[in-house]
Amino acid sequence: MKRVALSLALPALALLSAAPADASPPLAPVSTCSTQAGLDAAAAVQERAMLCLVNHARANRGLAALAADDALARAADHKSADILRCDEFSHEACGREFTYWIGRFGFGGCASAENIAWGGGSLGGVRSIFRLWMHSPGHRANILGPYEEIGIGLRVGSLEGNRGAHVWTQDFGAGC
């Protein structure tokens, strides 16, 4: 069975930049984000493809690209791992607030937000998850929000009885 679920942690700062629900930027063509690969590609390859899609959407809105941040990437990776380990699709997986891993890995910014999603089968792929996030006002607000940096984490495992679940986390940050 193919399943998909979405969730977000959204501070008030990101709400200010929310776009109307029908104003999603077009999805980057595969030729623009040529790193897009199948579900069996290494997580790092799929994460780079997700970053390309994010920055393409931001460019279409005249926004600066988000820089990949190592601390946020490690936080996102650990959040995806927590979701699988505790079998709990939540921003508070394993009893930890969404900012737990962001702080633990030393991100020093003043603003942060998080998108999480998971899907099984083709619904867990880069383009499918990104498309779902962009059609959700809160998730889109984070992607197009006033952030400067991003970390993306992908883990594959069993979630809620679904083997092969692709669990995605995007952690966003902005300096002070």
C-alpha atoms as a PDB file:
ATOM      1  CA  MET A   1       0.000   0.000   0.000  1.00  0.00           C
ATOM      2  CA  LYS A   2       1.338   3.437  -0.910  1.00  0.00           C
ATOM      3  CA  ARG A   3       0.958   6.074   1.775  1.00  0.00           C
ATOM      4  CA  VAL A   4       2.050   9.627   2.325  1.00  0.00           C
ATOM      5  CA  ALA A   5       1.869  11.906   5.346  1.00  0.00           C
ATOM      6  CA  LEU A   6       2.924  15.485   5.927  1.00  0.00           C
ATOM      7  CA  SER A   7       3.543  17.625   8.980  1.00  0.00           C
ATOM      8  CA  LEU A   8       5.242  20.900   9.761  1.00  0.00           C
ATOM      9  CA  ALA A   9       6.482  22.982  12.648  1.00  0.00           C
ATOM     10  CA  LEU A  10       5.833  26.575  11.799  1.00  0.00           C
ATOM     11  CA  PRO A  11       6.897  29.606  13.839  1.00  0.00           C
ATOM     12  CA  ALA A  12       5.019  32.892  13.535  1.00  0.00           C
ATOM     13  CA  LEU A  13       7.872  34.297  11.435  1.00  0.00           C
ATOM     14  CA  ALA A  14       7.152  31.859   8.617  1.00  0.00           C
ATOM     15  CA  LEU A  15       3.425  32.578   8.660  1.00  0.00           C
ATOM     16  CA  LEU A  16       4.133  36.133   7.530  1.00  0.00           C
ATOM     17  CA  SER A  17       5.427  34.932   4.179  1.00  0.00           C
ATOM     18  CA  ALA A  18       2.727  32.398   3.346  1.00  0.00           C
ATOM     19  CA  ALA A  19       1.673  32.409  -0.293  1.00  0.00           C
ATOM     20  CA  PRO A  20      -1.909  31.782  -1.421  1.00  0.00           C
ATOM     21  CA  ALA A  21      -2.706  28.081  -1.838  1.00  0.00           C
ATOM     22  CA  ASP A  22      -2.946  28.362  -5.630  1.00  0.00           C
ATOM     23  CA  ALA A  23       0.327  30.261  -6.018  1.00  0.00           C
ATOM     24  CA  SER A  24       2.790  27.365  -5.981  1.00  0.00           C
ATOM     25  CA  PRO A  25       5.829  28.015  -8.173  1.00  0.00           C
ATOM     26  CA  PRO A  26       6.221  25.526 -10.993  1.00  0.00           C
ATOM     27  CA  LEU A  27       8.157  22.381 -10.206  1.00  0.00           C
ATOM     28  CA  ALA A  28      11.682  22.432 -11.599  1.00  0.00           C
ATOM     29  CA  PRO A  29      12.072  20.307 -14.722  1.00  0.00           C
ATOM     30  CA  VAL A  30      14.174  17.196 -14.348  1.00  0.00           C
ATOM     31  CA  SER A  31      16.772  18.793 -16.637  1.00  0.00           C
ATOM     32  CA  THR A  32      17.211  21.672 -14.154  1.00  0.00           C
ATOM     33  CA  CYS A  33      17.624  19.401 -11.159  1.00  0.00           C
ATOM     34  CA  SER A  34      19.443  16.615 -12.938  1.00  0.00           C
ATOM     35  CA  THR A  35      20.387  14.978  -9.652  1.00  0.00           C
ATOM     36  CA  GLN A  36      16.842  13.625  -9.382  1.00  0.00           C
ATOM     37  CA  ALA A  37      17.118   9.900  -9.225  1.00  0.00           C
ATOM     38  CA  GLY A  38      14.953   6.955  -8.368  1.00  0.00           C
ATOM     39  CA  LEU A  39      13.960   5.796  -4.944  1.00  0.00           C
ATOM     40  CA  ASP A  40      16.988   3.507  -4.814  1.00  0.00           C
ATOM     41  CA  ALA A  41      19.518   6.332  -5.196  1.00  0.00           C
ATOM     42  CA  ALA A  42      21.724   7.144  -2.227  1.00  0.00           C
ATOM     43  CA  ALA A  43      20.120   9.437   0.336  1.00  0.00           C
ATOM     44  CA  ALA A  44      22.746  12.125  -0.342  1.00  0.00           C
ATOM     45  CA  VAL A  45      21.799  12.181  -4.043  1.00  0.00           C
ATOM     46  CA  GLN A  46      18.096  12.487  -3.241  1.00  0.00           C
ATOM     47  CA  GLU A  47      18.807  15.205  -0.650  1.00  0.00           C
ATOM     48  CA  ARG A  48      20.752  17.232  -3.259  1.00  0.00           C
ATOM     49  CA  ALA A  49      17.807  16.894  -5.629  1.00  0.00           C
ATOM     50  CA  MET A  50      15.473  18.189  -2.911  1.00  0.00           C
ATOM     51  CA  LEU A  51      17.752  21.197  -2.319  1.00  0.00           C
ATOM     52  CA  CYS A  52      17.713  21.916  -6.056  1.00  0.00           C
ATOM     53  CA  LEU A  53      13.901  21.841  -6.104  1.00  0.00           C
ATOM     54  CA  VAL A  54      13.716  24.135  -3.064  1.00  0.00           C
ATOM     55  CA  ASN A  55      16.109  26.674  -4.564  1.00  0.00           C
ATOM     56  CA  HIS A  56      14.388  26.553  -7.961  1.00  0.00           C
ATOM     57  CA  ALA A  57      11.062  27.375  -6.295  1.00  0.00           C
ATOM     58  CA  ARG A  58      12.684  30.211  -4.358  1.00  0.00           C
ATOM     59  CA  ALA A  59      14.336  31.595  -7.515  1.00  0.00           C
ATOM     60  CA  ASN A  60      10.936  31.622  -9.247  1.00  0.00           C
ATOM     61  CA  ARG A  61       9.755  33.922  -6.474  1.00  0.00           C
ATOM     62  CA  GLY A  62      12.831  36.174  -6.624  1.00  0.00           C
ATOM     63  CA  LEU A  63      14.134  34.797  -3.324  1.00  0.00           C
ATOM     64  CA  ALA A  64      17.735  33.995  -2.502  1.00  0.00           C
ATOM     65  CA  ALA A  65      18.831  30.384  -2.560  1.00  0.00           C
ATOM     66  CA  LEU A  66      19.122  28.573   0.755  1.00  0.00           C
ATOM     67  CA  ALA A  67      22.625  27.489   1.660  1.00  0.00           C
ATOM     68  CA  ALA A  68      23.139  23.920   2.805  1.00  0.00           C
ATOM     69  CA  ASP A  69      24.132  24.024   6.479  1.00  0.00           C
ATOM     70  CA  ASP A  70      25.973  21.093   8.057  1.00  0.00           C
ATOM     71  CA  ALA A  71      24.431  21.500  11.530  1.00  0.00           C
ATOM     72  CA  LEU A  72      20.905  21.679  10.077  1.00  0.00           C
ATOM     73  CA  ALA A  73      21.635  18.690   7.804  1.00  0.00           C
ATOM     74  CA  ARG A  74      22.746  16.590  10.765  1.00  0.00           C
ATOM     75  CA  ALA A  75      19.686  17.737  12.729  1.00  0.00           C
ATOM     76  CA  ALA A  76      17.362  16.818   9.850  1.00  0.00           C
ATOM     77  CA  ASP A  77      19.020  13.414   9.449  1.00  0.00           C
ATOM     78  CA  HIS A  78      18.687  12.658  13.159  1.00  0.00           C
ATOM     79  CA  LYS A  79      15.039  13.789  13.171  1.00  0.00           C
ATOM     80  CA  SER A  80      14.240  11.385  10.319  1.00  0.00           C
ATOM     81  CA  ALA A  81      16.072   8.643  12.238  1.00  0.00           C
ATOM     82  CA  ASP A  82      14.072   9.434  15.403  1.00  0.00           C
ATOM     83  CA  ILE A  83      10.796   9.153  13.496  1.00  0.00           C
ATOM     84  CA  LEU A  84      11.766   5.678  12.316  1.00  0.00           C
ATOM     85  CA  ARG A  85      13.330   4.533  15.588  1.00  0.00           C
ATOM     86  CA  CYS A  86      10.322   5.541  17.699  1.00  0.00           C
ATOM     87  CA  ASP A  87       7.819   4.682  14.952  1.00  0.00           C
ATOM     88  CA  GLU A  88       6.256   8.079  15.561  1.00  0.00           C
ATOM     89  CA  PHE A  89       5.557  10.509  12.728  1.00  0.00           C
ATOM     90  CA  SER A  90       5.671  13.700  14.745  1.00  0.00           C
ATOM     91  CA  HIS A  91       7.683  16.870  15.246  1.00  0.00           C
ATOM     92  CA  GLU A  92       8.067  15.590  18.798  1.00  0.00           C
ATOM     93  CA  ALA A  93       9.220  12.084  17.833  1.00  0.00           C
ATOM     94  CA  CYS A  94      10.840  10.231  20.733  1.00  0.00           C
ATOM     95  CA  GLY A  95       9.599  12.979  23.067  1.00  0.00           C
ATOM     96  CA  ARG A  96      11.929  15.618  21.613  1.00  0.00           C
ATOM     97  CA  GLU A  97      10.763  19.087  20.489  1.00  0.00           C
ATOM     98  CA  PHE A  98      11.422  19.866  16.817  1.00  0.00           C
ATOM     99  CA  THR A  99      14.283  22.169  17.867  1.00  0.00           C
ATOM    100  CA  TYR A 100      16.080  19.471  19.905  1.00  0.00           C
ATOM    101  CA  TRP A 101      18.462  18.277  17.185  1.00  0.00           C
ATOM    102  CA  ILE A 102      18.872  21.780  15.733  1.00  0.00           C
ATOM    103  CA  GLY A 103      20.220  22.971  19.087  1.00  0.00           C
ATOM    104  CA  ARG A 104      22.131  19.778  19.784  1.00  0.00           C
ATOM    105  CA  PHE A 105      24.219  20.214  16.620  1.00  0.00           C
ATOM    106  CA  GLY A 106      24.928  23.853  17.396  1.00  0.00           C
ATOM    107  CA  PHE A 107      22.882  25.804  14.898  1.00  0.00           C
ATOM    108  CA  GLY A 108      23.235  29.347  16.202  1.00  0.00           C
ATOM    109  CA  GLY A 109      20.485  31.157  14.333  1.00  0.00           C
ATOM    110  CA  CYS A 110      17.527  32.977  15.831  1.00  0.00           C
ATOM    111  CA  ALA A 111      14.757  31.447  13.716  1.00  0.00           C
ATOM    112  CA  SER A 112      14.041  27.881  12.686  1.00  0.00           C
ATOM    113  CA  ALA A 113      11.261  25.808  11.181  1.00  0.00           C
ATOM    114  CA  GLU A 114      10.758  22.221  10.109  1.00  0.00           C
ATOM    115  CA  ASN A 115       8.887  20.260   7.470  1.00  0.00           C
ATOM    116  CA  ILE A 116       8.507  16.494   7.771  1.00  0.00           C
ATOM    117  CA  ALA A 117       6.912  14.039   5.391  1.00  0.00           C
ATOM    118  CA  TRP A 118       6.953  10.371   4.591  1.00  0.00           C
ATOM    119  CA  GLY A 119       5.731   8.275   1.765  1.00  0.00           C
ATOM    120  CA  GLY A 120       5.826   4.707   0.620  1.00  0.00           C
ATOM    121  CA  GLY A 121       6.593   3.522  -2.885  1.00  0.00           C
ATOM    122  CA  SER A 122       6.785   6.236  -5.505  1.00  0.00           C
ATOM    123  CA  LEU A 123       5.034   8.643  -3.108  1.00  0.00           C
ATOM    124  CA  GLY A 124       8.250   8.845  -1.093  1.00  0.00           C
ATOM    125  CA  GLY A 125      10.308  10.184  -3.993  1.00  0.00           C
ATOM    126  CA  VAL A 126      11.866  13.626  -4.192  1.00  0.00           C
ATOM    127  CA  ARG A 127       9.404  15.153  -6.658  1.00  0.00           C
ATOM    128  CA  SER A 128       6.330  13.641  -4.984  1.00  0.00           C
ATOM    129  CA  ILE A 129       7.238  14.878  -1.516  1.00  0.00           C
ATOM    130  CA  PHE A 130       8.274  18.310  -2.792  1.00  0.00           C
ATOM    131  CA  ARG A 131       5.046  18.652  -4.784  1.00  0.00           C
ATOM    132  CA  LEU A 132       2.989  17.785  -1.688  1.00  0.00           C
ATOM    133  CA  TRP A 133       4.890  20.315   0.434  1.00  0.00           C
ATOM    134  CA  MET A 134       4.354  23.046  -2.159  1.00  0.00           C
ATOM    135  CA  HIS A 135       0.604  22.379  -2.231  1.00  0.00           C
ATOM    136  CA  SER A 136       0.395  22.770   1.552  1.00  0.00           C
ATOM    137  CA  PRO A 137       0.314  26.441   2.615  1.00  0.00           C
ATOM    138  CA  GLY A 138       2.292  25.913   5.824  1.00  0.00           C
ATOM    139  CA  HIS A 139       5.001  23.790   4.235  1.00  0.00           C
ATOM    140  CA  ARG A 140       5.276  26.176   1.289  1.00  0.00           C
ATOM    141  CA  ALA A 141       5.584  29.067   3.775  1.00  0.00           C
ATOM    142  CA  ASN A 142       8.646  27.375   5.267  1.00  0.00           C
ATOM    143  CA  ILE A 143      10.211  26.635   1.871  1.00  0.00           C
ATOM    144  CA  LEU A 144       9.628  30.195   0.631  1.00  0.00           C
ATOM    145  CA  GLY A 145      10.100  31.791   4.048  1.00  0.00           C
ATOM    146  CA  PRO A 146      12.639  34.234   5.450  1.00  0.00           C
ATOM    147  CA  TYR A 147      15.324  31.617   5.943  1.00  0.00           C
ATOM    148  CA  GLU A 148      18.937  31.578   4.806  1.00  0.00           C
ATOM    149  CA  GLU A 149      19.985  27.987   5.427  1.00  0.00           C
ATOM    150  CA  ILE A 150      18.559  24.506   5.176  1.00  0.00           C
ATOM    151  CA  GLY A 151      19.365  20.971   6.193  1.00  0.00           C
ATOM    152  CA  ILE A 152      17.682  18.008   4.539  1.00  0.00           C
ATOM    153  CA  GLY A 153      17.575  14.481   5.891  1.00  0.00           C
ATOM    154  CA  LEU A 154      16.216  11.322   4.307  1.00  0.00           C
ATOM    155  CA  ARG A 155      16.009   7.953   6.004  1.00  0.00           C
ATOM    156  CA  VAL A 156      14.343   4.799   4.712  1.00  0.00           C
ATOM    157  CA  GLY A 157      12.880   2.181   7.023  1.00  0.00           C
ATOM    158  CA  SER A 158       9.680   0.848   8.559  1.00  0.00           C
ATOM    159  CA  LEU A 159       7.101   3.329   9.793  1.00  0.00           C
ATOM    160  CA  GLU A 160       3.638   2.509  11.081  1.00  0.00           C
ATOM    161  CA  GLY A 161       3.923  -0.989   9.628  1.00  0.00           C
ATOM    162  CA  ASN A 162       5.032   0.247   6.196  1.00  0.00           C
ATOM    163  CA  ARG A 163       8.406  -1.097   5.088  1.00  0.00           C
ATOM    164  CA  GLY A 164      10.417   1.066   2.734  1.00  0.00           C
ATOM    165  CA  ALA A 165       8.995   4.331   4.075  1.00  0.00           C
ATOM    166  CA  HIS A 166      10.993   7.348   2.912  1.00  0.00           C
ATOM    167  CA  VAL A 167      11.063   9.796   5.838  1.00  0.00           C
ATOM    168  CA  TRP A 168      12.011  13.363   4.887  1.00  0.00           C
ATOM    169  CA  THR A 169      12.945  16.253   7.149  1.00  0.00           C
ATOM    170  CA  GLN A 170      13.749  19.805   6.137  1.00  0.00           C
ATOM    171  CA  ASP A 171      15.174  22.056   8.879  1.00  0.00           C
ATOM    172  CA  PHE A 172      15.308  25.766   8.074  1.00  0.00           C
ATOM    173  CA  GLY A 173      17.315  28.453   9.816  1.00  0.00           C
ATOM    174  CA  ALA A 174      18.019  32.157   9.779  1.00  0.00           C
ATOM    175  CA  GLY A 175      20.685  34.167  11.574  1.00  0.00           C
ATOM    176  CA  CYS A 176      20.030  36.872  14.102  1.00  0.00           C
END
